[in-house]
Amino acid sequence: MGAYMGYYLLAGILFLVGMVVSSRLKSKFKEYSEIPLREGLSGKEVAERMLRENGIYDVTVTSSQGFLSDHYNPADKTVNLSPDVYAGTSIASTAVAAHECGHAVQHATAYSMLQLRSKLVPITQISTTLSQWIILAGIGFMGFGHGNQTLLLIGIILFSFSTIFSLVTLPVEYDASHRALRWMEASGLTTREEHDKAKDALKWAARTYVVAAISAVATLVYYILIFMNRRD
């Protein structure tokens, strides 16, 4: 019982930390979105320049709907930027566009952690959908009877793939930011002050992944404790 209470306390703390980090990220993005880049390049132009200077010519930069919905798709080799980033000429749009191109550079250079994450995507999508229901059935919640140890173990194994995916995502995201910042500095795209602001924005973006990874690990440990208690 003490372990369970400890989990609930940790979950509550992580929930609050996640809200703070998310709120801080949005405020940072808003702040740096109002500061124009000295070079006056849009996010699209920044992305195309970074790709070109890294010898990448088979990746397309497109605009996608949503706020902070920016991502790189290795399947069709597209850098998808949200409207504010795609057309924006601010420090924020520069940082985000360069970060997503960092993933394209990872792909082009066969970065091992990105390759691992890509391989985990199909099974993670399936496991995320199934694990919660199987775990509930295994525990015996929501009218699933008295539970079943085998089902619970299967659910935990499935959920572990989601946890592994969250952990693998951390080095992928940090490395993409590192590549982006290194390129911005080497290319002379940003001044020292602009570079520091871009670094700050990407730092807060990365922290959202840290919170997600810690939450995933804590939840996995909680399910394992339930399994061990039921087994005993």
Protein backbone atom coordinates (compact mmCIF):
# COMPACT_ATOMS: atom_id res chain seq x y z
CA MET A 1 0.00 0.00 0.00
CA GLY A 2 2.87 2.34 0.81
CA ALA A 3 4.38 1.73 -2.62
CA TYR A 4 1.04 2.46 -4.29
CA MET A 5 0.63 5.69 -2.33
CA GLY A 6 4.15 6.63 -3.33
CA TYR A 7 3.24 6.09 -6.97
CA TYR A 8 0.09 8.21 -6.71
CA LEU A 9 2.11 10.98 -5.06
CA LEU A 10 4.77 10.77 -7.79
CA ALA A 11 2.09 10.72 -10.50
CA GLY A 12 0.50 13.84 -9.03
CA ILE A 13 3.85 15.62 -8.86
CA LEU A 14 4.70 14.65 -12.44
CA PHE A 15 1.29 15.85 -13.62
CA LEU A 16 1.88 19.25 -12.04
CA VAL A 17 5.45 19.41 -13.37
CA GLY A 18 4.17 18.51 -16.83
CA MET A 19 1.62 21.33 -16.69
CA VAL A 20 4.30 23.80 -15.60
CA VAL A 21 6.72 22.71 -18.34
CA SER A 22 4.00 22.81 -21.00
CA SER A 23 2.87 26.25 -19.87
CA ARG A 24 6.47 27.49 -19.78
CA LEU A 25 7.13 26.13 -23.27
CA LYS A 26 4.09 27.93 -24.68
CA SER A 27 5.08 31.20 -22.99
CA LYS A 28 8.67 30.89 -24.27
CA PHE A 29 7.44 30.18 -27.79
CA LYS A 30 5.13 33.20 -27.60
CA GLU A 31 7.95 35.39 -26.27
CA TYR A 32 10.48 34.37 -28.90
CA SER A 33 7.84 34.44 -31.65
CA GLU A 34 7.68 38.19 -31.15
CA ILE A 35 11.43 38.68 -31.63
CA PRO A 36 12.36 38.85 -35.34
CA LEU A 37 15.43 37.09 -36.65
CA ARG A 38 18.11 39.50 -37.85
CA GLU A 39 18.40 37.66 -41.18
CA GLY A 40 14.65 37.90 -41.74
CA LEU A 41 14.34 34.33 -43.01
CA SER A 42 11.11 32.39 -42.60
CA GLY A 43 11.03 28.97 -40.97
CA LYS A 44 10.65 27.43 -44.43
CA GLU A 45 13.72 29.27 -45.71
CA VAL A 46 15.74 28.34 -42.62
CA ALA A 47 14.81 24.68 -43.05
CA GLU A 48 15.66 24.65 -46.74
CA ARG A 49 18.99 26.35 -46.08
CA MET A 50 19.95 23.91 -43.33
CA LEU A 51 19.03 20.93 -45.48
CA ARG A 52 20.99 22.30 -48.42
CA GLU A 53 24.09 23.09 -46.34
CA ASN A 54 24.02 19.56 -44.96
CA GLY A 55 23.91 18.10 -48.46
CA ILE A 56 20.29 16.95 -48.22
CA TYR A 57 18.26 17.52 -51.39
CA ASP A 58 15.59 14.81 -51.21
CA VAL A 59 13.64 16.22 -48.24
CA THR A 60 10.63 18.50 -48.78
CA VAL A 61 9.61 21.29 -46.39
CA THR A 62 5.82 21.56 -46.05
CA SER A 63 3.24 23.37 -43.94
CA SER A 64 1.04 21.31 -41.60
CA GLN A 65 -1.94 22.38 -39.52
CA GLY A 66 -1.83 22.75 -35.74
CA PHE A 67 0.04 24.64 -33.02
CA LEU A 68 3.53 23.26 -32.33
CA SER A 69 2.67 20.28 -34.57
CA ASP A 70 6.09 20.42 -36.21
CA HIS A 71 7.72 17.09 -37.02
CA TYR A 72 9.96 15.24 -39.44
CA ASN A 73 8.49 12.23 -41.23
CA PRO A 74 11.22 9.76 -42.25
CA ALA A 75 8.71 7.66 -44.21
CA ASP A 76 8.16 10.30 -46.92
CA LYS A 77 11.14 12.53 -46.08
CA THR A 78 9.20 15.67 -45.24
CA VAL A 79 9.86 18.40 -42.68
CA ASN A 80 6.35 19.42 -41.60
CA LEU A 81 6.14 22.86 -40.01
CA SER A 82 3.12 24.44 -38.34
CA PRO A 83 1.84 27.62 -40.05
CA ASP A 84 3.41 29.98 -37.49
CA VAL A 85 6.79 28.30 -37.90
CA TYR A 86 6.58 27.82 -41.68
CA ALA A 87 5.87 31.49 -42.43
CA GLY A 88 7.31 33.04 -39.27
CA THR A 89 10.55 35.03 -39.28
CA SER A 90 11.16 34.93 -35.55
CA ILE A 91 13.75 33.29 -33.33
CA ALA A 92 11.16 30.71 -32.28
CA SER A 93 10.32 29.69 -35.84
CA THR A 94 14.04 29.49 -36.66
CA ALA A 95 14.76 27.24 -33.66
CA VAL A 96 11.86 24.88 -34.37
CA ALA A 97 12.55 24.66 -38.11
CA ALA A 98 16.24 23.92 -37.50
CA HIS A 99 15.38 21.33 -34.85
CA GLU A 100 13.11 19.40 -37.24
CA CYS A 101 15.82 19.54 -39.88
CA GLY A 102 18.11 18.09 -37.23
CA HIS A 103 15.98 14.95 -37.48
CA ALA A 104 16.39 14.97 -41.26
CA VAL A 105 20.16 15.13 -40.78
CA GLN A 106 19.93 12.23 -38.33
CA HIS A 107 18.06 10.24 -40.96
CA ALA A 108 20.55 11.08 -43.69
CA THR A 109 23.50 10.09 -41.49
CA ALA A 110 21.82 6.89 -40.21
CA TYR A 111 21.80 8.05 -36.59
CA SER A 112 21.33 4.82 -34.63
CA MET A 113 18.83 6.07 -32.03
CA LEU A 114 16.55 7.51 -34.72
CA GLN A 115 16.69 4.19 -36.57
CA LEU A 116 15.77 2.37 -33.36
CA ARG A 117 12.88 4.73 -32.68
CA SER A 118 11.56 4.28 -36.23
CA LYS A 119 11.63 0.50 -35.79
CA LEU A 120 9.71 0.85 -32.51
CA VAL A 121 6.91 2.97 -34.01
CA PRO A 122 4.70 0.15 -35.41
CA ILE A 123 4.79 -2.01 -32.29
CA THR A 124 4.44 1.04 -30.03
CA GLN A 125 1.29 2.13 -31.86
CA ILE A 126 -0.22 -1.32 -31.36
CA SER A 127 0.95 -1.76 -27.78
CA THR A 128 -0.30 1.68 -26.72
CA THR A 129 -3.79 0.83 -27.98
CA LEU A 130 -3.97 -2.64 -26.46
CA SER A 131 -1.93 -2.45 -23.25
CA GLN A 132 -4.33 -0.37 -21.15
CA TRP A 133 -7.32 -2.62 -21.89
CA ILE A 134 -5.34 -5.81 -21.30
CA ILE A 135 -3.93 -4.43 -18.03
CA LEU A 136 -7.44 -3.47 -16.86
CA ALA A 137 -8.64 -6.98 -17.72
CA GLY A 138 -5.65 -8.47 -15.91
CA ILE A 139 -6.28 -6.41 -12.79
CA GLY A 140 -10.04 -7.01 -12.89
CA PHE A 141 -11.19 -3.39 -13.19
CA MET A 142 -14.25 -2.06 -15.02
CA GLY A 143 -16.30 -5.27 -14.94
CA PHE A 144 -13.49 -7.52 -16.18
CA GLY A 145 -14.04 -10.05 -13.40
CA HIS A 146 -11.42 -10.97 -10.83
CA GLY A 147 -8.43 -10.40 -13.05
CA ASN A 148 -5.87 -12.72 -14.59
CA GLN A 149 -2.14 -12.82 -13.87
CA THR A 150 -1.20 -13.90 -17.39
CA LEU A 151 -3.22 -11.09 -18.98
CA LEU A 152 -1.70 -8.59 -16.57
CA LEU A 153 1.82 -9.72 -17.48
CA ILE A 154 1.04 -9.49 -21.21
CA GLY A 155 -0.33 -5.97 -20.69
CA ILE A 156 2.80 -4.93 -18.79
CA ILE A 157 5.06 -6.30 -21.53
CA LEU A 158 3.07 -4.39 -24.15
CA PHE A 159 3.19 -1.20 -22.09
CA SER A 160 6.96 -1.58 -21.70
CA PHE A 161 7.37 -0.92 -25.42
CA SER A 162 5.75 2.50 -24.95
CA THR A 163 8.12 3.18 -22.08
CA ILE A 164 11.14 2.14 -24.13
CA PHE A 165 9.94 4.38 -26.95
CA SER A 166 9.73 7.36 -24.57
CA LEU A 167 13.27 6.69 -23.31
CA VAL A 168 14.70 6.28 -26.82
CA THR A 169 13.01 9.54 -27.84
CA LEU A 170 15.11 11.52 -25.34
CA PRO A 171 18.52 11.21 -27.03
CA VAL A 172 16.88 11.62 -30.44
CA GLU A 173 15.32 14.95 -29.47
CA TYR A 174 18.37 16.28 -27.63
CA ASP A 175 20.65 15.33 -30.49
CA ALA A 176 18.38 17.06 -33.03
CA SER A 177 18.49 20.25 -30.96
CA HIS A 178 22.28 19.98 -30.65
CA ARG A 179 22.63 19.63 -34.43
CA ALA A 180 20.30 22.58 -34.98
CA LEU A 181 22.15 24.88 -32.58
CA ARG A 182 25.54 23.83 -33.89
CA TRP A 183 24.47 24.56 -37.47
CA MET A 184 22.93 27.94 -36.58
CA GLU A 185 26.17 28.99 -34.93
CA ALA A 186 28.46 27.64 -37.66
CA SER A 187 26.39 29.14 -40.48
CA GLY A 188 26.32 32.58 -38.89
CA LEU A 189 22.54 32.60 -39.11
CA THR A 190 22.07 33.93 -35.58
CA THR A 191 23.82 36.44 -33.37
CA ARG A 192 25.04 35.31 -29.95
CA GLU A 193 21.91 36.75 -28.32
CA GLU A 194 19.61 35.09 -30.87
CA HIS A 195 21.48 31.81 -30.45
CA ASP A 196 21.00 31.89 -26.67
CA LYS A 197 17.27 32.53 -27.05
CA ALA A 198 16.92 29.71 -29.58
CA LYS A 199 18.78 27.41 -27.20
CA ASP A 200 16.44 28.38 -24.36
CA ALA A 201 13.36 27.64 -26.47
CA LEU A 202 14.65 24.20 -27.48
CA LYS A 203 15.64 23.46 -23.90
CA TRP A 204 12.05 23.85 -22.71
CA ALA A 205 10.76 21.79 -25.63
CA ALA A 206 13.13 18.96 -24.65
CA ARG A 207 11.94 19.02 -21.05
CA THR A 208 8.44 17.96 -22.15
CA TYR A 209 9.99 14.70 -23.38
CA VAL A 210 11.85 14.26 -20.10
CA VAL A 211 8.63 14.55 -18.11
CA ALA A 212 6.87 12.12 -20.47
CA ALA A 213 9.68 9.57 -20.10
CA ILE A 214 9.71 9.78 -16.31
CA SER A 215 5.92 9.40 -16.23
CA ALA A 216 6.11 6.33 -18.48
CA VAL A 217 8.75 4.71 -16.27
CA ALA A 218 6.77 5.48 -13.09
CA THR A 219 3.60 3.97 -14.57
CA LEU A 220 5.47 0.84 -15.67
CA VAL A 221 6.92 0.39 -12.18
CA TYR A 222 3.43 0.81 -10.72
CA TYR A 223 2.03 -1.95 -12.94
CA ILE A 224 4.94 -4.23 -12.04
CA LEU A 225 4.27 -3.65 -8.34
CA ILE A 226 0.64 -4.63 -8.87
CA PHE A 227 1.72 -7.79 -10.68
CA MET A 228 4.18 -8.78 -7.95
CA ASN A 229 1.60 -8.12 -5.24
CA ARG A 230 -1.04 -10.22 -7.03
CA ARG A 231 1.47 -13.02 -7.57
CA ASP A 232 2.39 -13.05 -3.87
